[in-house]
Amino acid sequence: MARTEPSTFGAQLTRLAELRGLDVGALAGRAAAPAAEITSAFDGNEPTASLLRRLAPALGLRPSDLFVIAGRQVPGDLAPLDPTAANAVGWLAWALTYLPHAARELRRLARTMPQQPRPPGPPPPAPPYRWYPDGPGGLLLRLLHNRNLDWSGAAKYLFGIGRRDMLSASTIGMIGHGRKTLTPDLLTGFAAVLDIPATDLSALTGIDLTGPERPVHPDAPEVAALIWDARRLTAHQLRQLQDRAHQIRHERAHELEPRLRCGCPRYA
């Protein structure tokens, strides 16, 4: 069962701290922040950007994710570098789903790519179809977008890495807008894609984790790390990763079922 009212950030922060066995004093010590500031945030007052940056590592979270959880715009220096690269991130899902250990090689390649300059100015505003209401689905979609995943990419990784049923891109959007229920099973599948513990997502959304936990892809941690690393790349750089993934598909065709082999002559 999920709570019917959206959680305030203060309540979410309190639950995250409780999961880690941290009281105000312990969290303040980890975050090198005044206990009064922590107490104020617990009580529902809006935390400063500086406090969010310090709280995130103290809680074992990524700073940009904590901005998302707090309902704040992700600062430019923490946002994905190139919003136009979202489609390319999604198209990597095929290789990462069907080629064992491809994520490790592609991640090594991604790490060798030079850092390109960040465009000046703040990140572009979210388009209207991404204006989600407060609630579990809206939070989940905003966390996925923080990984530069669009609806289509989220659906592909939920299927391939989360090992859940294949959903359409529009269904992913319906989850964000609260028109399709975010079930415990879907939540644990998305947890693998986000690399956020399902227990944390449960605490944040109020969705209880009930029933047996279905397994996820064995390469899920490496894939989630690659998705995160890809946030710093441009669309052009991600197309280079796509090309290498395509080449791996040919090089390792003998490991694939015939129906999954690529028949194009490019690397023949």
C-alpha atoms as a PDB file:
ATOM      1  CA  MET A   1       0.000   0.000   0.000  1.00  0.00           C
ATOM      2  CA  ALA A   2       1.191   3.534  -0.744  1.00  0.00           C
ATOM      3  CA  ARG A   3       0.456   6.665   1.262  1.00  0.00           C
ATOM      4  CA  THR A   4      -2.253   8.711  -0.400  1.00  0.00           C
ATOM      5  CA  GLU A   5      -0.673  12.115   0.330  1.00  0.00           C
ATOM      6  CA  PRO A   6       2.631  13.186  -1.228  1.00  0.00           C
ATOM      7  CA  SER A   7       5.461  13.145   1.295  1.00  0.00           C
ATOM      8  CA  THR A   8       7.150  16.384   2.226  1.00  0.00           C
ATOM      9  CA  PHE A   9      10.909  16.523   1.847  1.00  0.00           C
ATOM     10  CA  GLY A  10      11.252  16.789   5.617  1.00  0.00           C
ATOM     11  CA  ALA A  11       9.412  13.492   6.073  1.00  0.00           C
ATOM     12  CA  GLN A  12      11.417  11.850   3.289  1.00  0.00           C
ATOM     13  CA  LEU A  13      14.691  13.065   4.771  1.00  0.00           C
ATOM     14  CA  THR A  14      13.676  11.770   8.192  1.00  0.00           C
ATOM     15  CA  ARG A  15      12.887   8.327   6.802  1.00  0.00           C
ATOM     16  CA  LEU A  16      16.188   8.165   4.901  1.00  0.00           C
ATOM     17  CA  ALA A  17      18.081   9.043   8.059  1.00  0.00           C
ATOM     18  CA  GLU A  18      16.140   6.466  10.080  1.00  0.00           C
ATOM     19  CA  LEU A  19      16.946   3.770   7.521  1.00  0.00           C
ATOM     20  CA  ARG A  20      20.620   4.492   8.146  1.00  0.00           C
ATOM     21  CA  GLY A  21      20.251   4.641  11.889  1.00  0.00           C
ATOM     22  CA  LEU A  22      21.178   8.332  11.978  1.00  0.00           C
ATOM     23  CA  ASP A  23      19.737  10.857  14.395  1.00  0.00           C
ATOM     24  CA  VAL A  24      20.082  14.602  13.970  1.00  0.00           C
ATOM     25  CA  GLY A  25      23.456  14.749  15.676  1.00  0.00           C
ATOM     26  CA  ALA A  26      24.958  11.872  13.712  1.00  0.00           C
ATOM     27  CA  LEU A  27      23.706  13.226  10.391  1.00  0.00           C
ATOM     28  CA  ALA A  28      24.961  16.701  11.249  1.00  0.00           C
ATOM     29  CA  GLY A  29      28.382  15.252  12.004  1.00  0.00           C
ATOM     30  CA  ARG A  30      28.528  13.329   8.737  1.00  0.00           C
ATOM     31  CA  ALA A  31      27.373  16.335   6.740  1.00  0.00           C
ATOM     32  CA  ALA A  32      29.551  18.826   8.610  1.00  0.00           C
ATOM     33  CA  ALA A  33      26.452  20.962   9.062  1.00  0.00           C
ATOM     34  CA  PRO A  34      24.883  22.625  12.104  1.00  0.00           C
ATOM     35  CA  ALA A  35      22.371  20.382  13.870  1.00  0.00           C
ATOM     36  CA  ALA A  36      19.892  23.276  13.796  1.00  0.00           C
ATOM     37  CA  GLU A  37      19.920  23.228   9.980  1.00  0.00           C
ATOM     38  CA  ILE A  38      19.256  19.481   9.944  1.00  0.00           C
ATOM     39  CA  THR A  39      16.418  19.855  12.434  1.00  0.00           C
ATOM     40  CA  SER A  40      14.924  22.655  10.350  1.00  0.00           C
ATOM     41  CA  ALA A  41      14.999  20.447   7.232  1.00  0.00           C
ATOM     42  CA  PHE A  42      13.434  17.548   9.165  1.00  0.00           C
ATOM     43  CA  ASP A  43      10.674  19.926  10.263  1.00  0.00           C
ATOM     44  CA  GLY A  44       9.805  20.693   6.641  1.00  0.00           C
ATOM     45  CA  ASN A  45      11.626  23.971   6.094  1.00  0.00           C
ATOM     46  CA  GLU A  46      13.345  24.377   2.739  1.00  0.00           C
ATOM     47  CA  PRO A  47      17.031  23.474   2.945  1.00  0.00           C
ATOM     48  CA  THR A  48      19.687  25.573   1.299  1.00  0.00           C
ATOM     49  CA  ALA A  49      21.459  24.322  -1.801  1.00  0.00           C
ATOM     50  CA  SER A  50      24.651  24.135   0.231  1.00  0.00           C
ATOM     51  CA  LEU A  51      23.002  21.867   2.798  1.00  0.00           C
ATOM     52  CA  LEU A  52      21.642  19.556   0.083  1.00  0.00           C
ATOM     53  CA  ARG A  53      25.138  19.191  -1.374  1.00  0.00           C
ATOM     54  CA  ARG A  54      26.495  18.231   2.046  1.00  0.00           C
ATOM     55  CA  LEU A  55      23.618  15.948   3.016  1.00  0.00           C
ATOM     56  CA  ALA A  56      23.788  13.810  -0.127  1.00  0.00           C
ATOM     57  CA  PRO A  57      27.150  12.090   0.525  1.00  0.00           C
ATOM     58  CA  ALA A  58      26.275  11.823   4.216  1.00  0.00           C
ATOM     59  CA  LEU A  59      23.248   9.750   3.161  1.00  0.00           C
ATOM     60  CA  GLY A  60      25.075   7.825   0.438  1.00  0.00           C
ATOM     61  CA  LEU A  61      23.119   9.597  -2.304  1.00  0.00           C
ATOM     62  CA  ARG A  62      24.177  11.582  -5.350  1.00  0.00           C
ATOM     63  CA  PRO A  63      23.838  15.328  -4.813  1.00  0.00           C
ATOM     64  CA  SER A  64      21.742  15.881  -7.945  1.00  0.00           C
ATOM     65  CA  ASP A  65      19.341  13.132  -6.856  1.00  0.00           C
ATOM     66  CA  LEU A  66      18.829  14.849  -3.514  1.00  0.00           C
ATOM     67  CA  PHE A  67      17.957  18.083  -5.330  1.00  0.00           C
ATOM     68  CA  VAL A  68      15.366  16.096  -7.306  1.00  0.00           C
ATOM     69  CA  ILE A  69      13.982  14.512  -4.144  1.00  0.00           C
ATOM     70  CA  ALA A  70      13.752  17.960  -2.522  1.00  0.00           C
ATOM     71  CA  GLY A  71      11.752  19.230  -5.513  1.00  0.00           C
ATOM     72  CA  ARG A  72      14.476  21.682  -6.502  1.00  0.00           C
ATOM     73  CA  GLN A  73      15.986  22.365  -9.912  1.00  0.00           C
ATOM     74  CA  VAL A  74      19.249  20.502 -10.340  1.00  0.00           C
ATOM     75  CA  PRO A  75      22.097  23.060 -10.503  1.00  0.00           C
ATOM     76  CA  GLY A  76      23.785  23.381 -13.857  1.00  0.00           C
ATOM     77  CA  ASP A  77      27.060  21.888 -12.676  1.00  0.00           C
ATOM     78  CA  LEU A  78      25.236  18.742 -11.476  1.00  0.00           C
ATOM     79  CA  ALA A  79      22.865  18.293 -14.448  1.00  0.00           C
ATOM     80  CA  PRO A  80      23.422  15.999 -17.454  1.00  0.00           C
ATOM     81  CA  LEU A  81      25.756  17.711 -19.916  1.00  0.00           C
ATOM     82  CA  ASP A  82      23.701  17.313 -23.108  1.00  0.00           C
ATOM     83  CA  PRO A  83      19.905  16.886 -22.850  1.00  0.00           C
ATOM     84  CA  THR A  84      19.801  15.996 -26.572  1.00  0.00           C
ATOM     85  CA  ALA A  85      21.744  12.798 -25.787  1.00  0.00           C
ATOM     86  CA  ALA A  86      18.799  11.109 -24.062  1.00  0.00           C
ATOM     87  CA  ASN A  87      17.791   9.129 -27.160  1.00  0.00           C
ATOM     88  CA  ALA A  88      21.324   7.761 -27.578  1.00  0.00           C
ATOM     89  CA  VAL A  89      21.438   6.621 -23.937  1.00  0.00           C
ATOM     90  CA  GLY A  90      18.251   4.643 -24.513  1.00  0.00           C
ATOM     91  CA  TRP A  91      19.531   2.940 -27.638  1.00  0.00           C
ATOM     92  CA  LEU A  92      22.458   1.445 -25.720  1.00  0.00           C
ATOM     93  CA  ALA A  93      19.971  -0.706 -23.818  1.00  0.00           C
ATOM     94  CA  TRP A  94      19.874  -3.483 -26.438  1.00  0.00           C
ATOM     95  CA  ALA A  95      23.577  -4.274 -26.243  1.00  0.00           C
ATOM     96  CA  LEU A  96      23.607  -3.967 -22.471  1.00  0.00           C
ATOM     97  CA  THR A  97      20.674  -6.368 -22.183  1.00  0.00           C
ATOM     98  CA  TYR A  98      21.763  -9.147 -24.546  1.00  0.00           C
ATOM     99  CA  LEU A  99      25.578  -8.999 -24.533  1.00  0.00           C
ATOM    100  CA  PRO A 100      26.952 -10.213 -21.200  1.00  0.00           C
ATOM    101  CA  HIS A 101      29.581  -7.912 -19.730  1.00  0.00           C
ATOM    102  CA  ALA A 102      29.371  -5.416 -22.605  1.00  0.00           C
ATOM    103  CA  ALA A 103      28.680  -2.702 -20.033  1.00  0.00           C
ATOM    104  CA  ARG A 104      32.145  -3.076 -18.570  1.00  0.00           C
ATOM    105  CA  GLU A 105      33.876  -2.492 -21.911  1.00  0.00           C
ATOM    106  CA  LEU A 106      31.578   0.352 -22.894  1.00  0.00           C
ATOM    107  CA  ARG A 107      32.083   1.987 -19.534  1.00  0.00           C
ATOM    108  CA  ARG A 108      35.853   1.845 -19.975  1.00  0.00           C
ATOM    109  CA  LEU A 109      35.450   3.489 -23.380  1.00  0.00           C
ATOM    110  CA  ALA A 110      33.181   6.170 -21.940  1.00  0.00           C
ATOM    111  CA  ARG A 111      35.760   7.005 -19.301  1.00  0.00           C
ATOM    112  CA  THR A 112      38.434   7.628 -21.957  1.00  0.00           C
ATOM    113  CA  MET A 113      36.298  10.229 -23.756  1.00  0.00           C
ATOM    114  CA  PRO A 114      37.400  13.813 -23.110  1.00  0.00           C
ATOM    115  CA  GLN A 115      35.185  16.078 -21.061  1.00  0.00           C
ATOM    116  CA  GLN A 116      33.510  18.628 -23.290  1.00  0.00           C
ATOM    117  CA  PRO A 117      32.677  22.121 -21.983  1.00  0.00           C
ATOM    118  CA  ARG A 118      29.290  22.588 -20.422  1.00  0.00           C
ATOM    119  CA  PRO A 119      27.024  24.954 -22.383  1.00  0.00           C
ATOM    120  CA  PRO A 120      26.737  28.364 -20.726  1.00  0.00           C
ATOM    121  CA  GLY A 121      23.645  29.281 -18.780  1.00  0.00           C
ATOM    122  CA  PRO A 122      21.179  27.192 -16.769  1.00  0.00           C
ATOM    123  CA  PRO A 123      19.825  23.854 -18.016  1.00  0.00           C
ATOM    124  CA  PRO A 124      16.831  24.198 -20.355  1.00  0.00           C
ATOM    125  CA  PRO A 125      13.416  24.032 -18.659  1.00  0.00           C
ATOM    126  CA  ALA A 126      11.500  20.777 -18.725  1.00  0.00           C
ATOM    127  CA  PRO A 127       8.958  20.519 -21.568  1.00  0.00           C
ATOM    128  CA  PRO A 128       5.287  20.574 -20.495  1.00  0.00           C
ATOM    129  CA  TYR A 129       4.832  16.817 -20.849  1.00  0.00           C
ATOM    130  CA  ARG A 130       7.417  16.419 -18.093  1.00  0.00           C
ATOM    131  CA  TRP A 131       5.512  18.613 -15.636  1.00  0.00           C
ATOM    132  CA  TYR A 132       4.669  15.827 -13.228  1.00  0.00           C
ATOM    133  CA  PRO A 133       2.454  16.163 -10.171  1.00  0.00           C
ATOM    134  CA  ASP A 134       3.879  15.465  -6.750  1.00  0.00           C
ATOM    135  CA  GLY A 135       3.690  11.796  -5.923  1.00  0.00           C
ATOM    136  CA  PRO A 136       5.592   8.519  -6.282  1.00  0.00           C
ATOM    137  CA  GLY A 137       5.463   8.357 -10.078  1.00  0.00           C
ATOM    138  CA  GLY A 138       6.490  11.963 -10.563  1.00  0.00           C
ATOM    139  CA  LEU A 139       9.493  11.527  -8.289  1.00  0.00           C
ATOM    140  CA  LEU A 140      10.551   8.334 -10.043  1.00  0.00           C
ATOM    141  CA  LEU A 141      10.381   9.946 -13.499  1.00  0.00           C
ATOM    142  CA  ARG A 142      12.344  12.978 -12.360  1.00  0.00           C
ATOM    143  CA  LEU A 143      15.065  10.664 -11.033  1.00  0.00           C
ATOM    144  CA  LEU A 144      15.139   8.843 -14.378  1.00  0.00           C
ATOM    145  CA  HIS A 145      15.406  12.147 -16.261  1.00  0.00           C
ATOM    146  CA  ASN A 146      18.304  13.054 -13.978  1.00  0.00           C
ATOM    147  CA  ARG A 147      20.077  10.137 -15.696  1.00  0.00           C
ATOM    148  CA  ASN A 148      19.214  11.617 -19.100  1.00  0.00           C
ATOM    149  CA  LEU A 149      16.678   8.855 -19.723  1.00  0.00           C
ATOM    150  CA  ASP A 150      13.527   9.760 -21.624  1.00  0.00           C
ATOM    151  CA  TRP A 151      10.317   7.707 -21.472  1.00  0.00           C
ATOM    152  CA  SER A 152      11.473   5.336 -24.214  1.00  0.00           C
ATOM    153  CA  GLY A 153      14.887   4.779 -22.642  1.00  0.00           C
ATOM    154  CA  ALA A 154      13.341   4.168 -19.227  1.00  0.00           C
ATOM    155  CA  ALA A 155      11.049   1.521 -20.738  1.00  0.00           C
ATOM    156  CA  LYS A 156      13.967  -0.230 -22.464  1.00  0.00           C
ATOM    157  CA  TYR A 157      16.106  -0.388 -19.326  1.00  0.00           C
ATOM    158  CA  LEU A 158      13.188  -1.442 -17.126  1.00  0.00           C
ATOM    159  CA  PHE A 159      12.680  -4.407 -19.476  1.00  0.00           C
ATOM    160  CA  GLY A 160      16.308  -5.271 -20.117  1.00  0.00           C
ATOM    161  CA  ILE A 161      18.010  -4.472 -16.827  1.00  0.00           C
ATOM    162  CA  GLY A 162      15.120  -4.455 -14.381  1.00  0.00           C
ATOM    163  CA  ARG A 163      13.773  -7.608 -16.079  1.00  0.00           C
ATOM    164  CA  ARG A 164      10.191  -6.430 -15.872  1.00  0.00           C
ATOM    165  CA  ASP A 165       7.493  -6.513 -18.553  1.00  0.00           C
ATOM    166  CA  MET A 166       8.102  -4.326 -21.589  1.00  0.00           C
ATOM    167  CA  LEU A 167       6.075  -1.144 -21.219  1.00  0.00           C
ATOM    168  CA  SER A 168       5.448   1.469 -23.876  1.00  0.00           C
ATOM    169  CA  ALA A 169       7.010   4.899 -23.600  1.00  0.00           C
ATOM    170  CA  SER A 170       3.552   6.386 -23.087  1.00  0.00           C
ATOM    171  CA  THR A 171       2.942   4.015 -20.171  1.00  0.00           C
ATOM    172  CA  ILE A 172       6.129   5.273 -18.529  1.00  0.00           C
ATOM    173  CA  GLY A 173       4.730   8.787 -18.916  1.00  0.00           C
ATOM    174  CA  MET A 174       1.444   7.664 -17.357  1.00  0.00           C
ATOM    175  CA  ILE A 175       3.368   6.449 -14.291  1.00  0.00           C
ATOM    176  CA  GLY A 176       4.927   9.887 -13.968  1.00  0.00           C
ATOM    177  CA  HIS A 177       1.553  11.613 -14.227  1.00  0.00           C
ATOM    178  CA  GLY A 178      -0.100   9.268 -11.749  1.00  0.00           C
ATOM    179  CA  ARG A 179      -2.369   7.624 -14.323  1.00  0.00           C
ATOM    180  CA  LYS A 180      -0.780   4.179 -13.921  1.00  0.00           C
ATOM    181  CA  THR A 181      -0.032   2.677 -10.547  1.00  0.00           C
ATOM    182  CA  LEU A 182       3.600   2.390  -9.554  1.00  0.00           C
ATOM    183  CA  THR A 183       3.577  -1.098  -8.059  1.00  0.00           C
ATOM    184  CA  PRO A 184       6.167  -2.521  -5.649  1.00  0.00           C
ATOM    185  CA  ASP A 185       7.411  -4.806  -8.440  1.00  0.00           C
ATOM    186  CA  LEU A 186       7.914  -1.899 -10.839  1.00  0.00           C
ATOM    187  CA  LEU A 187       9.595   0.089  -8.087  1.00  0.00           C
ATOM    188  CA  THR A 188      12.206  -2.622  -7.482  1.00  0.00           C
ATOM    189  CA  GLY A 189      12.797  -2.932 -11.236  1.00  0.00           C
ATOM    190  CA  PHE A 190      13.413   0.795 -11.548  1.00  0.00           C
ATOM    191  CA  ALA A 191      15.654   0.681  -8.465  1.00  0.00           C
ATOM    192  CA  ALA A 192      18.095  -1.467 -10.480  1.00  0.00           C
ATOM    193  CA  VAL A 193      18.143   1.096 -13.304  1.00  0.00           C
ATOM    194  CA  LEU A 194      18.575   4.036 -10.935  1.00  0.00           C
ATOM    195  CA  ASP A 195      21.112   2.281  -8.712  1.00  0.00           C
ATOM    196  CA  ILE A 196      19.157   3.481  -5.694  1.00  0.00           C
ATOM    197  CA  PRO A 197      18.269   0.841  -3.085  1.00  0.00           C
ATOM    198  CA  ALA A 198      14.652  -0.268  -3.318  1.00  0.00           C
ATOM    199  CA  THR A 199      14.349   0.387   0.409  1.00  0.00           C
ATOM    200  CA  ASP A 200      15.274   4.035  -0.188  1.00  0.00           C
ATOM    201  CA  LEU A 201      12.704   4.343  -2.986  1.00  0.00           C
ATOM    202  CA  SER A 202      10.130   2.756  -0.700  1.00  0.00           C
ATOM    203  CA  ALA A 203      10.933   5.307   2.009  1.00  0.00           C
ATOM    204  CA  LEU A 204      10.732   8.161  -0.492  1.00  0.00           C
ATOM    205  CA  THR A 205       7.511   7.106  -2.203  1.00  0.00           C
ATOM    206  CA  GLY A 206       5.638   5.445   0.639  1.00  0.00           C
ATOM    207  CA  ILE A 207       5.224   2.277  -1.453  1.00  0.00           C
ATOM    208  CA  ASP A 208       5.637  -0.794   0.726  1.00  0.00           C
ATOM    209  CA  LEU A 209       7.788  -3.562  -0.731  1.00  0.00           C
ATOM    210  CA  THR A 210       5.511  -6.563  -0.611  1.00  0.00           C
ATOM    211  CA  GLY A 211       5.792 -10.022  -2.144  1.00  0.00           C
ATOM    212  CA  PRO A 212       8.864 -11.896  -3.368  1.00  0.00           C
ATOM    213  CA  GLU A 213      11.581  -9.830  -5.011  1.00  0.00           C
ATOM    214  CA  ARG A 214      12.132 -10.779  -8.650  1.00  0.00           C
ATOM    215  CA  PRO A 215      15.726 -10.954  -9.888  1.00  0.00           C
ATOM    216  CA  VAL A 216      17.237  -8.278 -12.100  1.00  0.00           C
ATOM    217  CA  HIS A 217      19.889  -8.507 -14.835  1.00  0.00           C
ATOM    218  CA  PRO A 218      23.227  -9.772 -13.446  1.00  0.00           C
ATOM    219  CA  ASP A 219      25.024  -6.801 -15.022  1.00  0.00           C
ATOM    220  CA  ALA A 220      22.584  -4.280 -13.500  1.00  0.00           C
ATOM    221  CA  PRO A 221      25.117  -2.498 -11.228  1.00  0.00           C
ATOM    222  CA  GLU A 222      27.592  -2.039 -14.107  1.00  0.00           C
ATOM    223  CA  VAL A 223      24.851  -0.860 -16.472  1.00  0.00           C
ATOM    224  CA  ALA A 224      23.516   1.631 -13.929  1.00  0.00           C
ATOM    225  CA  ALA A 225      27.060   2.954 -13.457  1.00  0.00           C
ATOM    226  CA  LEU A 226      27.435   3.359 -17.237  1.00  0.00           C
ATOM    227  CA  ILE A 227      24.125   5.228 -17.449  1.00  0.00           C
ATOM    228  CA  TRP A 228      25.399   7.574 -14.767  1.00  0.00           C
ATOM    229  CA  ASP A 229      28.806   8.029 -16.429  1.00  0.00           C
ATOM    230  CA  ALA A 230      27.048   8.824 -19.718  1.00  0.00           C
ATOM    231  CA  ARG A 231      25.507  11.953 -18.176  1.00  0.00           C
ATOM    232  CA  ARG A 232      28.798  13.776 -18.796  1.00  0.00           C
ATOM    233  CA  LEU A 233      28.926  12.885 -22.503  1.00  0.00           C
ATOM    234  CA  THR A 234      27.596  14.671 -25.549  1.00  0.00           C
ATOM    235  CA  ALA A 235      25.212  13.129 -28.058  1.00  0.00           C
ATOM    236  CA  HIS A 236      28.125  12.749 -30.482  1.00  0.00           C
ATOM    237  CA  GLN A 237      30.205  10.870 -27.923  1.00  0.00           C
ATOM    238  CA  LEU A 238      27.291   8.602 -27.117  1.00  0.00           C
ATOM    239  CA  ARG A 239      26.911   7.766 -30.782  1.00  0.00           C
ATOM    240  CA  GLN A 240      30.524   6.561 -30.638  1.00  0.00           C
ATOM    241  CA  LEU A 241      29.510   4.274 -27.777  1.00  0.00           C
ATOM    242  CA  GLN A 242      26.576   3.056 -29.883  1.00  0.00           C
ATOM    243  CA  ASP A 243      28.913   2.276 -32.768  1.00  0.00           C
ATOM    244  CA  ARG A 244      31.184   0.259 -30.475  1.00  0.00           C
ATOM    245  CA  ALA A 245      28.178  -1.594 -29.040  1.00  0.00           C
ATOM    246  CA  HIS A 246      27.101  -2.453 -32.596  1.00  0.00           C
ATOM    247  CA  GLN A 247      30.593  -3.698 -33.363  1.00  0.00           C
ATOM    248  CA  ILE A 248      30.590  -5.893 -30.232  1.00  0.00           C
ATOM    249  CA  ARG A 249      27.303  -7.393 -31.411  1.00  0.00           C
ATOM    250  CA  HIS A 250      29.067  -8.596 -34.549  1.00  0.00           C
ATOM    251  CA  GLU A 251      32.259  -9.694 -32.800  1.00  0.00           C
ATOM    252  CA  ARG A 252      30.323 -11.822 -30.351  1.00  0.00           C
ATOM    253  CA  ALA A 253      27.581 -13.025 -32.650  1.00  0.00           C
ATOM    254  CA  HIS A 254      28.410 -16.626 -31.744  1.00  0.00           C
ATOM    255  CA  GLU A 255      27.214 -15.891 -28.176  1.00  0.00           C
ATOM    256  CA  LEU A 256      23.802 -14.736 -29.381  1.00  0.00           C
ATOM    257  CA  GLU A 257      20.722 -16.644 -30.418  1.00  0.00           C
ATOM    258  CA  PRO A 258      20.230 -16.443 -34.197  1.00  0.00           C
ATOM    259  CA  ARG A 259      17.230 -14.123 -33.791  1.00  0.00           C
ATOM    260  CA  LEU A 260      19.402 -11.604 -31.914  1.00  0.00           C
ATOM    261  CA  ARG A 261      22.265 -11.467 -34.397  1.00  0.00           C
ATOM    262  CA  CYS A 262      22.683  -8.417 -36.586  1.00  0.00           C
ATOM    263  CA  GLY A 263      22.477  -9.154 -40.297  1.00  0.00           C
ATOM    264  CA  CYS A 264      23.927  -5.895 -41.567  1.00  0.00           C
ATOM    265  CA  PRO A 265      27.212  -6.075 -43.532  1.00  0.00           C
ATOM    266  CA  ARG A 266      28.881  -3.194 -41.726  1.00  0.00           C
ATOM    267  CA  TYR A 267      31.310  -5.284 -39.654  1.00  0.00           C
ATOM    268  CA  ALA A 268      31.130  -8.487 -41.701  1.00  0.00           C
END
